[in-house]
């Protein structure tokens, strides 16, 4: 974390404090862990024994971009809490939060350019564009009961899976493996990212506010229709009326959450998460057997265990 604070820059004390607010809230640090694991697993193919400087810097850049996206997400979603702590804009105001996110995107882009690998620069730059595309897609489909599963998956790719896929493919590129392996690592990250998002969307209905660090059913309350809701809408017409009325009647949000749970939405979303997990694990077959490949498999399984 000290290295990431160094990248933020000590000459910006307000931004440093804003970064500390979200970094100190914890988190799984999944993305840099994936960079290191894929780096190790693919390096074995070409006979490297140590991580390169580029691998390490990529992990730092990825975590910085992820953090910037969270700060902006919380502003756009008007979220008061993240991981049980007040969000950056709640503590420092929207102006500082937006500037902090912008600065982190810009600073990470500068460090990315200094890696001097055009393929990786294009890959990660596309992620930042995808974040904006995902937010636009989400904003344009609030309370829209006709949103299809494929649209949800595209939005989930833009907002979550794109960065994870870029993390895993970028790590493989810096290992110097062939394009087929790089593509398999991209597919691993993409499908793990989609699985991760579906699991998060399930937990929004099945966990308590204390476990989530934010109110349960918060996405539905804002009109964001996720996989469990999309599946539930196929079975329960009453749910459509509640959503399209934007939960204007007292108790209708709580009733809608209960309907999602009781009419199969959760179970079908679990099947979708498992489907994406299976594809992710199959993408690892190009790697030699090692502790690092096993850890990448376990990362997928651990994610699924969150909904068991």
C-alpha atoms as a PDB file:
ATOM      1  CA  UNK A   1       0.000   0.000   0.000  1.00  0.00           C
ATOM      2  CA  UNK A   2       2.939   2.364   0.628  1.00  0.00           C
ATOM      3  CA  UNK A   3       3.872   2.076  -3.051  1.00  0.00           C
ATOM      4  CA  UNK A   4       0.330   2.992  -4.125  1.00  0.00           C
ATOM      5  CA  UNK A   5       0.349   6.030  -1.842  1.00  0.00           C
ATOM      6  CA  UNK A   6       3.651   7.011  -3.457  1.00  0.00           C
ATOM      7  CA  UNK A   7       1.976   6.804  -6.877  1.00  0.00           C
ATOM      8  CA  UNK A   8      -0.883   9.032  -5.623  1.00  0.00           C
ATOM      9  CA  UNK A   9       1.759  11.611  -4.700  1.00  0.00           C
ATOM     10  CA  UNK A  10       2.578  13.179  -1.345  1.00  0.00           C
ATOM     11  CA  UNK A  11       2.306  16.684  -2.859  1.00  0.00           C
ATOM     12  CA  UNK A  12      -1.476  16.284  -2.801  1.00  0.00           C
ATOM     13  CA  UNK A  13      -2.384  15.938   0.908  1.00  0.00           C
ATOM     14  CA  UNK A  14      -6.156  16.184   0.352  1.00  0.00           C
ATOM     15  CA  UNK A  15      -6.031  13.524  -2.347  1.00  0.00           C
ATOM     16  CA  UNK A  16      -3.767  11.418  -0.137  1.00  0.00           C
ATOM     17  CA  UNK A  17      -6.331  11.629   2.673  1.00  0.00           C
ATOM     18  CA  UNK A  18      -9.124  10.727   0.249  1.00  0.00           C
ATOM     19  CA  UNK A  19      -7.124   7.713  -0.962  1.00  0.00           C
ATOM     20  CA  UNK A  20      -6.487   6.610   2.619  1.00  0.00           C
ATOM     21  CA  UNK A  21     -10.223   6.795   3.328  1.00  0.00           C
ATOM     22  CA  UNK A  22     -10.989   4.105   0.751  1.00  0.00           C
ATOM     23  CA  UNK A  23      -7.760   2.064   1.021  1.00  0.00           C
ATOM     24  CA  UNK A  24      -8.081   1.806   4.808  1.00  0.00           C
ATOM     25  CA  UNK A  25     -11.604   0.415   4.407  1.00  0.00           C
ATOM     26  CA  UNK A  26      -9.956  -2.823   3.356  1.00  0.00           C
ATOM     27  CA  UNK A  27     -11.035  -4.927   0.401  1.00  0.00           C
ATOM     28  CA  UNK A  28      -9.874  -8.176  -1.096  1.00  0.00           C
ATOM     29  CA  UNK A  29      -7.070  -6.718  -3.296  1.00  0.00           C
ATOM     30  CA  UNK A  30      -8.163  -9.393  -5.752  1.00  0.00           C
ATOM     31  CA  UNK A  31      -6.937  -7.642  -8.898  1.00  0.00           C
ATOM     32  CA  UNK A  32      -3.275  -7.215  -7.932  1.00  0.00           C
ATOM     33  CA  UNK A  33      -3.325 -10.772  -6.547  1.00  0.00           C
ATOM     34  CA  UNK A  34      -4.527 -11.997  -9.950  1.00  0.00           C
ATOM     35  CA  UNK A  35      -1.753 -10.073 -11.692  1.00  0.00           C
ATOM     36  CA  UNK A  36       0.858 -11.774  -9.502  1.00  0.00           C
ATOM     37  CA  UNK A  37      -0.671 -15.256  -9.843  1.00  0.00           C
ATOM     38  CA  UNK A  38      -1.032 -15.072 -13.629  1.00  0.00           C
ATOM     39  CA  UNK A  39       2.465 -13.583 -13.860  1.00  0.00           C
ATOM     40  CA  UNK A  40       3.901 -16.542 -11.957  1.00  0.00           C
ATOM     41  CA  UNK A  41       1.809 -19.149 -13.768  1.00  0.00           C
ATOM     42  CA  UNK A  42       2.659 -17.854 -17.265  1.00  0.00           C
ATOM     43  CA  UNK A  43       6.321 -17.128 -16.439  1.00  0.00           C
ATOM     44  CA  UNK A  44       6.774 -20.856 -15.838  1.00  0.00           C
ATOM     45  CA  UNK A  45       5.952 -21.457 -19.521  1.00  0.00           C
ATOM     46  CA  UNK A  46       8.932 -19.373 -20.671  1.00  0.00           C
ATOM     47  CA  UNK A  47      11.249 -20.300 -17.808  1.00  0.00           C
ATOM     48  CA  UNK A  48      11.199 -17.028 -15.817  1.00  0.00           C
ATOM     49  CA  UNK A  49      11.819 -17.481 -12.101  1.00  0.00           C
ATOM     50  CA  UNK A  50      11.090 -13.960 -10.808  1.00  0.00           C
ATOM     51  CA  UNK A  51       8.426 -11.351 -11.387  1.00  0.00           C
ATOM     52  CA  UNK A  52       9.540  -8.476 -13.588  1.00  0.00           C
ATOM     53  CA  UNK A  53       9.366  -4.793 -12.657  1.00  0.00           C
ATOM     54  CA  UNK A  54       6.595  -4.475 -15.261  1.00  0.00           C
ATOM     55  CA  UNK A  55       4.497  -7.156 -13.536  1.00  0.00           C
ATOM     56  CA  UNK A  56       4.761  -5.335 -10.208  1.00  0.00           C
ATOM     57  CA  UNK A  57       3.968  -1.937 -11.653  1.00  0.00           C
ATOM     58  CA  UNK A  58       0.987  -3.376 -13.545  1.00  0.00           C
ATOM     59  CA  UNK A  59      -0.464  -4.667 -10.252  1.00  0.00           C
ATOM     60  CA  UNK A  60      -0.096  -1.194  -8.697  1.00  0.00           C
ATOM     61  CA  UNK A  61      -1.679   0.535 -11.700  1.00  0.00           C
ATOM     62  CA  UNK A  62      -4.621  -1.890 -11.736  1.00  0.00           C
ATOM     63  CA  UNK A  63      -5.384  -1.305  -8.049  1.00  0.00           C
ATOM     64  CA  UNK A  64      -5.139   2.468  -8.560  1.00  0.00           C
ATOM     65  CA  UNK A  65      -7.608   2.352 -11.475  1.00  0.00           C
ATOM     66  CA  UNK A  66      -9.965   0.140  -9.466  1.00  0.00           C
ATOM     67  CA  UNK A  67      -9.860   2.569  -6.538  1.00  0.00           C
ATOM     68  CA  UNK A  68     -10.535   5.560  -8.799  1.00  0.00           C
ATOM     69  CA  UNK A  69     -13.556   3.751 -10.250  1.00  0.00           C
ATOM     70  CA  UNK A  70     -14.938   3.024  -6.764  1.00  0.00           C
ATOM     71  CA  UNK A  71     -14.687   6.692  -5.749  1.00  0.00           C
ATOM     72  CA  UNK A  72     -16.568   7.767  -8.887  1.00  0.00           C
ATOM     73  CA  UNK A  73     -19.098   4.922  -8.538  1.00  0.00           C
ATOM     74  CA  UNK A  74     -19.979   6.045  -5.025  1.00  0.00           C
ATOM     75  CA  UNK A  75     -20.547   9.618  -6.215  1.00  0.00           C
ATOM     76  CA  UNK A  76     -22.769   8.511  -9.109  1.00  0.00           C
ATOM     77  CA  UNK A  77     -24.714   6.043  -6.938  1.00  0.00           C
ATOM     78  CA  UNK A  78     -24.950   8.544  -4.054  1.00  0.00           C
ATOM     79  CA  UNK A  79     -23.693   5.782  -1.747  1.00  0.00           C
ATOM     80  CA  UNK A  80     -23.051   6.744   1.867  1.00  0.00           C
ATOM     81  CA  UNK A  81     -21.143   3.616   2.877  1.00  0.00           C
ATOM     82  CA  UNK A  82     -18.547   1.278   1.362  1.00  0.00           C
ATOM     83  CA  UNK A  83     -17.174  -1.721   3.265  1.00  0.00           C
ATOM     84  CA  UNK A  84     -18.772  -0.374   6.423  1.00  0.00           C
ATOM     85  CA  UNK A  85     -17.077   3.036   6.200  1.00  0.00           C
ATOM     86  CA  UNK A  86     -18.223   6.418   4.955  1.00  0.00           C
ATOM     87  CA  UNK A  87     -17.504   6.988   1.274  1.00  0.00           C
ATOM     88  CA  UNK A  88     -14.951   9.574   0.132  1.00  0.00           C
ATOM     89  CA  UNK A  89     -17.566  12.090  -1.003  1.00  0.00           C
ATOM     90  CA  UNK A  90     -19.385  11.793   2.326  1.00  0.00           C
ATOM     91  CA  UNK A  91     -16.219  12.769   4.186  1.00  0.00           C
ATOM     92  CA  UNK A  92     -14.596  15.243   1.789  1.00  0.00           C
ATOM     93  CA  UNK A  93     -17.457  16.368  -0.444  1.00  0.00           C
ATOM     94  CA  UNK A  94     -18.328  15.560  -4.049  1.00  0.00           C
ATOM     95  CA  UNK A  95     -15.846  18.048  -5.521  1.00  0.00           C
ATOM     96  CA  UNK A  96     -12.822  16.454  -3.823  1.00  0.00           C
ATOM     97  CA  UNK A  97     -14.100  12.925  -4.553  1.00  0.00           C
ATOM     98  CA  UNK A  98     -14.472  13.607  -8.290  1.00  0.00           C
ATOM     99  CA  UNK A  99     -11.051  15.289  -8.426  1.00  0.00           C
ATOM    100  CA  UNK A 100      -9.474  12.435  -6.446  1.00  0.00           C
ATOM    101  CA  UNK A 101     -10.876   9.859  -8.865  1.00  0.00           C
ATOM    102  CA  UNK A 102      -9.809  11.924 -11.892  1.00  0.00           C
ATOM    103  CA  UNK A 103      -6.313  12.372 -10.462  1.00  0.00           C
ATOM    104  CA  UNK A 104      -5.921   8.641  -9.810  1.00  0.00           C
ATOM    105  CA  UNK A 105      -7.018   7.806 -13.355  1.00  0.00           C
ATOM    106  CA  UNK A 106      -4.566  10.364 -14.747  1.00  0.00           C
ATOM    107  CA  UNK A 107      -1.695   9.283 -12.504  1.00  0.00           C
ATOM    108  CA  UNK A 108      -2.218   5.600 -13.288  1.00  0.00           C
ATOM    109  CA  UNK A 109      -2.308   6.440 -17.016  1.00  0.00           C
ATOM    110  CA  UNK A 110       1.046   8.229 -16.705  1.00  0.00           C
ATOM    111  CA  UNK A 111       2.638   5.222 -15.000  1.00  0.00           C
ATOM    112  CA  UNK A 112       1.000   2.967 -17.601  1.00  0.00           C
ATOM    113  CA  UNK A 113       2.555   4.968 -20.461  1.00  0.00           C
ATOM    114  CA  UNK A 114       5.953   4.622 -18.791  1.00  0.00           C
ATOM    115  CA  UNK A 115       5.720   0.834 -19.097  1.00  0.00           C
ATOM    116  CA  UNK A 116       6.239   1.486 -22.834  1.00  0.00           C
ATOM    117  CA  UNK A 117       4.268  -1.547 -23.997  1.00  0.00           C
ATOM    118  CA  UNK A 118       1.756  -0.421 -26.606  1.00  0.00           C
ATOM    119  CA  UNK A 119      -0.401  -3.556 -26.375  1.00  0.00           C
ATOM    120  CA  UNK A 120      -0.812  -3.180 -22.598  1.00  0.00           C
ATOM    121  CA  UNK A 121      -1.383   0.586 -22.892  1.00  0.00           C
ATOM    122  CA  UNK A 122      -4.221  -0.031 -25.374  1.00  0.00           C
ATOM    123  CA  UNK A 123      -5.637  -2.828 -23.199  1.00  0.00           C
ATOM    124  CA  UNK A 124      -5.790  -0.799 -19.979  1.00  0.00           C
ATOM    125  CA  UNK A 125      -6.869   2.428 -21.712  1.00  0.00           C
ATOM    126  CA  UNK A 126      -9.879   0.562 -23.088  1.00  0.00           C
ATOM    127  CA  UNK A 127     -10.838  -0.340 -19.502  1.00  0.00           C
ATOM    128  CA  UNK A 128     -11.165   3.324 -18.516  1.00  0.00           C
ATOM    129  CA  UNK A 129     -13.413   3.870 -21.547  1.00  0.00           C
ATOM    130  CA  UNK A 130     -15.425   0.780 -20.571  1.00  0.00           C
ATOM    131  CA  UNK A 131     -16.073   2.211 -17.089  1.00  0.00           C
ATOM    132  CA  UNK A 132     -17.782   5.239 -18.646  1.00  0.00           C
ATOM    133  CA  UNK A 133     -19.732   3.059 -21.101  1.00  0.00           C
ATOM    134  CA  UNK A 134     -20.948   0.894 -18.226  1.00  0.00           C
ATOM    135  CA  UNK A 135     -22.152   3.870 -16.211  1.00  0.00           C
ATOM    136  CA  UNK A 136     -23.982   5.284 -19.238  1.00  0.00           C
ATOM    137  CA  UNK A 137     -25.649   1.918 -19.923  1.00  0.00           C
ATOM    138  CA  UNK A 138     -26.689   1.636 -16.283  1.00  0.00           C
ATOM    139  CA  UNK A 139     -28.060   5.175 -16.105  1.00  0.00           C
ATOM    140  CA  UNK A 140     -30.099   4.691 -19.281  1.00  0.00           C
ATOM    141  CA  UNK A 141     -31.831   1.520 -18.063  1.00  0.00           C
ATOM    142  CA  UNK A 142     -32.925   2.398 -14.511  1.00  0.00           C
ATOM    143  CA  UNK A 143     -36.299   0.860 -13.575  1.00  0.00           C
ATOM    144  CA  UNK A 144     -36.469  -0.671 -17.095  1.00  0.00           C
ATOM    145  CA  UNK A 145     -38.152  -4.056 -16.727  1.00  0.00           C
ATOM    146  CA  UNK A 146     -37.460  -4.920 -20.364  1.00  0.00           C
ATOM    147  CA  UNK A 147     -33.700  -5.028 -19.872  1.00  0.00           C
ATOM    148  CA  UNK A 148     -32.386  -8.369 -21.148  1.00  0.00           C
ATOM    149  CA  UNK A 149     -29.829 -10.650 -19.553  1.00  0.00           C
ATOM    150  CA  UNK A 150     -27.335 -10.016 -22.373  1.00  0.00           C
ATOM    151  CA  UNK A 151     -27.524  -6.256 -21.731  1.00  0.00           C
ATOM    152  CA  UNK A 152     -26.891  -6.889 -18.039  1.00  0.00           C
ATOM    153  CA  UNK A 153     -23.844  -9.025 -18.895  1.00  0.00           C
ATOM    154  CA  UNK A 154     -22.455  -6.344 -21.235  1.00  0.00           C
ATOM    155  CA  UNK A 155     -22.865  -3.703 -18.527  1.00  0.00           C
ATOM    156  CA  UNK A 156     -21.270  -6.049 -15.988  1.00  0.00           C
ATOM    157  CA  UNK A 157     -18.344  -6.572 -18.352  1.00  0.00           C
ATOM    158  CA  UNK A 158     -17.831  -2.829 -18.729  1.00  0.00           C
ATOM    159  CA  UNK A 159     -18.114  -2.061 -15.017  1.00  0.00           C
ATOM    160  CA  UNK A 160     -16.334  -5.071 -13.482  1.00  0.00           C
ATOM    161  CA  UNK A 161     -14.980  -7.762 -15.799  1.00  0.00           C
ATOM    162  CA  UNK A 162     -13.106  -5.502 -18.219  1.00  0.00           C
ATOM    163  CA  UNK A 163     -10.510  -4.470 -15.616  1.00  0.00           C
ATOM    164  CA  UNK A 164     -10.071  -8.032 -14.341  1.00  0.00           C
ATOM    165  CA  UNK A 165      -9.621  -9.350 -17.902  1.00  0.00           C
ATOM    166  CA  UNK A 166      -7.085  -6.621 -18.628  1.00  0.00           C
ATOM    167  CA  UNK A 167      -5.249  -7.487 -15.395  1.00  0.00           C
ATOM    168  CA  UNK A 168      -4.854 -11.145 -16.311  1.00  0.00           C
ATOM    169  CA  UNK A 169      -4.064 -10.610 -19.995  1.00  0.00           C
ATOM    170  CA  UNK A 170      -1.623  -7.768 -19.222  1.00  0.00           C
ATOM    171  CA  UNK A 171       0.246 -10.025 -16.799  1.00  0.00           C
ATOM    172  CA  UNK A 172       0.544 -12.719 -19.492  1.00  0.00           C
ATOM    173  CA  UNK A 173       1.789 -10.200 -22.054  1.00  0.00           C
ATOM    174  CA  UNK A 174       4.598  -9.093 -19.724  1.00  0.00           C
ATOM    175  CA  UNK A 175       5.542 -12.755 -19.243  1.00  0.00           C
ATOM    176  CA  UNK A 176       6.189 -12.991 -22.988  1.00  0.00           C
ATOM    177  CA  UNK A 177       3.924 -15.978 -23.655  1.00  0.00           C
ATOM    178  CA  UNK A 178       2.256 -16.509 -27.033  1.00  0.00           C
ATOM    179  CA  UNK A 179      -0.969 -14.809 -28.091  1.00  0.00           C
ATOM    180  CA  UNK A 180      -3.094 -17.943 -27.554  1.00  0.00           C
ATOM    181  CA  UNK A 181      -2.125 -18.102 -23.866  1.00  0.00           C
ATOM    182  CA  UNK A 182      -2.683 -14.348 -23.535  1.00  0.00           C
ATOM    183  CA  UNK A 183      -6.177 -14.786 -24.971  1.00  0.00           C
ATOM    184  CA  UNK A 184      -6.961 -17.643 -22.567  1.00  0.00           C
ATOM    185  CA  UNK A 185      -5.838 -15.457 -19.658  1.00  0.00           C
ATOM    186  CA  UNK A 186      -8.135 -12.733 -20.961  1.00  0.00           C
ATOM    187  CA  UNK A 187     -11.049 -15.202 -21.055  1.00  0.00           C
ATOM    188  CA  UNK A 188     -10.185 -16.363 -17.537  1.00  0.00           C
ATOM    189  CA  UNK A 189     -10.319 -12.787 -16.233  1.00  0.00           C
ATOM    190  CA  UNK A 190     -13.438 -11.921 -18.205  1.00  0.00           C
ATOM    191  CA  UNK A 191     -15.457 -14.882 -16.950  1.00  0.00           C
ATOM    192  CA  UNK A 192     -14.140 -14.593 -13.398  1.00  0.00           C
ATOM    193  CA  UNK A 193     -15.160 -10.928 -13.471  1.00  0.00           C
ATOM    194  CA  UNK A 194     -18.668 -11.736 -14.701  1.00  0.00           C
ATOM    195  CA  UNK A 195     -18.983 -14.490 -12.088  1.00  0.00           C
ATOM    196  CA  UNK A 196     -17.795 -12.062  -9.418  1.00  0.00           C
ATOM    197  CA  UNK A 197     -20.395  -9.462 -10.412  1.00  0.00           C
ATOM    198  CA  UNK A 198     -23.271 -11.971 -10.485  1.00  0.00           C
ATOM    199  CA  UNK A 199     -22.247 -13.243  -7.030  1.00  0.00           C
ATOM    200  CA  UNK A 200     -22.151  -9.669  -5.689  1.00  0.00           C
ATOM    201  CA  UNK A 201     -25.625  -9.078  -7.125  1.00  0.00           C
ATOM    202  CA  UNK A 202     -26.929 -12.223  -5.428  1.00  0.00           C
ATOM    203  CA  UNK A 203     -25.413 -11.165  -2.087  1.00  0.00           C
ATOM    204  CA  UNK A 204     -27.236  -7.832  -2.381  1.00  0.00           C
ATOM    205  CA  UNK A 205     -30.404  -9.863  -1.724  1.00  0.00           C
ATOM    206  CA  UNK A 206     -29.178 -12.618   0.579  1.00  0.00           C
ATOM    207  CA  UNK A 207     -26.866 -10.833   3.030  1.00  0.00           C
ATOM    208  CA  UNK A 208     -27.696  -8.397   5.803  1.00  0.00           C
ATOM    209  CA  UNK A 209     -26.822  -4.705   5.739  1.00  0.00           C
ATOM    210  CA  UNK A 210     -24.097  -5.396   8.327  1.00  0.00           C
ATOM    211  CA  UNK A 211     -22.496  -8.069   6.127  1.00  0.00           C
ATOM    212  CA  UNK A 212     -22.734  -5.936   2.987  1.00  0.00           C
ATOM    213  CA  UNK A 213     -21.533  -2.702   4.557  1.00  0.00           C
ATOM    214  CA  UNK A 214     -24.490  -0.987   2.819  1.00  0.00           C
ATOM    215  CA  UNK A 215     -28.304  -1.416   2.831  1.00  0.00           C
ATOM    216  CA  UNK A 216     -29.536  -4.761   1.449  1.00  0.00           C
ATOM    217  CA  UNK A 217     -31.361  -4.474  -1.874  1.00  0.00           C
ATOM    218  CA  UNK A 218     -29.737  -1.100  -2.507  1.00  0.00           C
ATOM    219  CA  UNK A 219     -29.329  -1.655  -6.266  1.00  0.00           C
ATOM    220  CA  UNK A 220     -32.991  -2.533  -6.716  1.00  0.00           C
ATOM    221  CA  UNK A 221     -33.997   0.511  -4.679  1.00  0.00           C
ATOM    222  CA  UNK A 222     -32.076   2.688  -7.160  1.00  0.00           C
ATOM    223  CA  UNK A 223     -33.675   0.949 -10.140  1.00  0.00           C
ATOM    224  CA  UNK A 224     -30.589  -1.065 -11.098  1.00  0.00           C
ATOM    225  CA  UNK A 225     -31.930  -4.424 -12.294  1.00  0.00           C
ATOM    226  CA  UNK A 226     -29.417  -7.229 -11.781  1.00  0.00           C
ATOM    227  CA  UNK A 227     -29.479 -10.938 -12.701  1.00  0.00           C
ATOM    228  CA  UNK A 228     -31.715 -12.108  -9.802  1.00  0.00           C
ATOM    229  CA  UNK A 229     -34.306  -9.450 -10.682  1.00  0.00           C
ATOM    230  CA  UNK A 230     -34.166 -10.110 -14.433  1.00  0.00           C
ATOM    231  CA  UNK A 231     -34.802 -13.821 -13.797  1.00  0.00           C
ATOM    232  CA  UNK A 232     -37.533 -13.106 -11.225  1.00  0.00           C
ATOM    233  CA  UNK A 233     -39.358 -10.795 -13.660  1.00  0.00           C
ATOM    234  CA  UNK A 234     -39.870 -13.780 -15.987  1.00  0.00           C
ATOM    235  CA  UNK A 235     -41.885 -15.545 -13.266  1.00  0.00           C
ATOM    236  CA  UNK A 236     -43.619 -12.774 -11.339  1.00  0.00           C
ATOM    237  CA  UNK A 237     -45.619 -10.064 -13.232  1.00  0.00           C
ATOM    238  CA  UNK A 238     -46.407  -8.276  -9.955  1.00  0.00           C
ATOM    239  CA  UNK A 239     -42.718  -7.405  -9.641  1.00  0.00           C
ATOM    240  CA  UNK A 240     -42.869  -5.343 -12.839  1.00  0.00           C
ATOM    241  CA  UNK A 241     -45.599  -3.086 -11.445  1.00  0.00           C
ATOM    242  CA  UNK A 242     -43.601  -2.398  -8.280  1.00  0.00           C
ATOM    243  CA  UNK A 243     -40.426  -1.572 -10.167  1.00  0.00           C
ATOM    244  CA  UNK A 244     -42.064   0.585 -12.825  1.00  0.00           C
ATOM    245  CA  UNK A 245     -43.832   2.576 -10.094  1.00  0.00           C
ATOM    246  CA  UNK A 246     -40.350   3.097  -8.549  1.00  0.00           C
ATOM    247  CA  UNK A 247     -41.561   1.624  -5.247  1.00  0.00           C
ATOM    248  CA  UNK A 248     -43.867   4.548  -4.554  1.00  0.00           C
ATOM    249  CA  UNK A 249     -46.048   2.538  -2.147  1.00  0.00           C
ATOM    250  CA  UNK A 250     -44.869   1.993   1.424  1.00  0.00           C
ATOM    251  CA  UNK A 251     -43.348  -1.461   1.892  1.00  0.00           C
ATOM    252  CA  UNK A 252     -43.241  -2.235  -1.844  1.00  0.00           C
ATOM    253  CA  UNK A 253     -39.423  -2.383  -1.974  1.00  0.00           C
ATOM    254  CA  UNK A 254     -39.319  -4.928   0.848  1.00  0.00           C
ATOM    255  CA  UNK A 255     -42.055  -6.947  -0.872  1.00  0.00           C
ATOM    256  CA  UNK A 256     -40.147  -6.841  -4.175  1.00  0.00           C
ATOM    257  CA  UNK A 257     -36.961  -8.089  -2.481  1.00  0.00           C
ATOM    258  CA  UNK A 258     -38.931 -10.975  -0.993  1.00  0.00           C
ATOM    259  CA  UNK A 259     -40.445 -11.841  -4.387  1.00  0.00           C
ATOM    260  CA  UNK A 260     -36.982 -12.017  -5.967  1.00  0.00           C
ATOM    261  CA  UNK A 261     -35.973 -14.479  -3.239  1.00  0.00           C
ATOM    262  CA  UNK A 262     -39.073 -16.688  -3.449  1.00  0.00           C
ATOM    263  CA  UNK A 263     -39.699 -17.031  -7.196  1.00  0.00           C
ATOM    264  CA  UNK A 264     -36.373 -18.514  -8.300  1.00  0.00           C
ATOM    265  CA  UNK A 265     -34.388 -15.408  -9.200  1.00  0.00           C
ATOM    266  CA  UNK A 266     -31.588 -16.221  -6.771  1.00  0.00           C
ATOM    267  CA  UNK A 267     -31.246 -19.860  -7.861  1.00  0.00           C
ATOM    268  CA  UNK A 268     -31.072 -19.009 -11.563  1.00  0.00           C
ATOM    269  CA  UNK A 269     -28.506 -16.310 -10.888  1.00  0.00           C
ATOM    270  CA  UNK A 270     -26.464 -18.890  -8.962  1.00  0.00           C
ATOM    271  CA  UNK A 271     -26.554 -21.150 -12.037  1.00  0.00           C
ATOM    272  CA  UNK A 272     -25.336 -18.246 -14.174  1.00  0.00           C
ATOM    273  CA  UNK A 273     -22.441 -17.576 -11.774  1.00  0.00           C
ATOM    274  CA  UNK A 274     -21.469 -21.269 -11.862  1.00  0.00           C
ATOM    275  CA  UNK A 275     -21.601 -21.273 -15.665  1.00  0.00           C
ATOM    276  CA  UNK A 276     -19.164 -18.341 -15.862  1.00  0.00           C
ATOM    277  CA  UNK A 277     -16.945 -19.957 -13.215  1.00  0.00           C
ATOM    278  CA  UNK A 278     -16.722 -23.175 -15.255  1.00  0.00           C
ATOM    279  CA  UNK A 279     -15.623 -21.248 -18.367  1.00  0.00           C
ATOM    280  CA  UNK A 280     -12.994 -19.384 -16.317  1.00  0.00           C
ATOM    281  CA  UNK A 281     -11.521 -22.619 -14.948  1.00  0.00           C
ATOM    282  CA  UNK A 282     -11.435 -24.227 -18.411  1.00  0.00           C
ATOM    283  CA  UNK A 283      -9.371 -21.266 -19.648  1.00  0.00           C
ATOM    284  CA  UNK A 284      -6.576 -22.309 -17.274  1.00  0.00           C
ATOM    285  CA  UNK A 285      -5.945 -25.602 -19.104  1.00  0.00           C
ATOM    286  CA  UNK A 286      -3.249 -23.943 -21.229  1.00  0.00           C
ATOM    287  CA  UNK A 287      -1.106 -23.418 -18.115  1.00  0.00           C
ATOM    288  CA  UNK A 288       1.329 -26.004 -16.724  1.00  0.00           C
ATOM    289  CA  UNK A 289       0.304 -27.641 -13.463  1.00  0.00           C
ATOM    290  CA  UNK A 290       1.661 -25.541 -10.590  1.00  0.00           C
ATOM    291  CA  UNK A 291       0.732 -24.013  -7.264  1.00  0.00           C
ATOM    292  CA  UNK A 292      -0.056 -20.788  -9.137  1.00  0.00           C
ATOM    293  CA  UNK A 293      -2.506 -22.437 -11.550  1.00  0.00           C
ATOM    294  CA  UNK A 294      -4.146 -24.137  -8.564  1.00  0.00           C
ATOM    295  CA  UNK A 295      -4.429 -20.787  -6.778  1.00  0.00           C
ATOM    296  CA  UNK A 296      -6.137 -19.279  -9.843  1.00  0.00           C
ATOM    297  CA  UNK A 297      -8.648 -22.149  -9.783  1.00  0.00           C
ATOM    298  CA  UNK A 298      -9.187 -21.639  -6.061  1.00  0.00           C
ATOM    299  CA  UNK A 299      -9.832 -17.931  -6.665  1.00  0.00           C
ATOM    300  CA  UNK A 300     -12.826 -18.899  -8.806  1.00  0.00           C
ATOM    301  CA  UNK A 301     -14.054 -21.462  -6.281  1.00  0.00           C
ATOM    302  CA  UNK A 302     -13.669 -19.025  -3.381  1.00  0.00           C
ATOM    303  CA  UNK A 303     -15.838 -16.516  -5.228  1.00  0.00           C
ATOM    304  CA  UNK A 304     -18.598 -19.101  -5.705  1.00  0.00           C
ATOM    305  CA  UNK A 305     -18.399 -20.159  -2.051  1.00  0.00           C
ATOM    306  CA  UNK A 306     -19.615 -16.682  -1.086  1.00  0.00           C
ATOM    307  CA  UNK A 307     -23.118 -17.746  -2.178  1.00  0.00           C
ATOM    308  CA  UNK A 308     -23.103 -21.317  -0.811  1.00  0.00           C
END
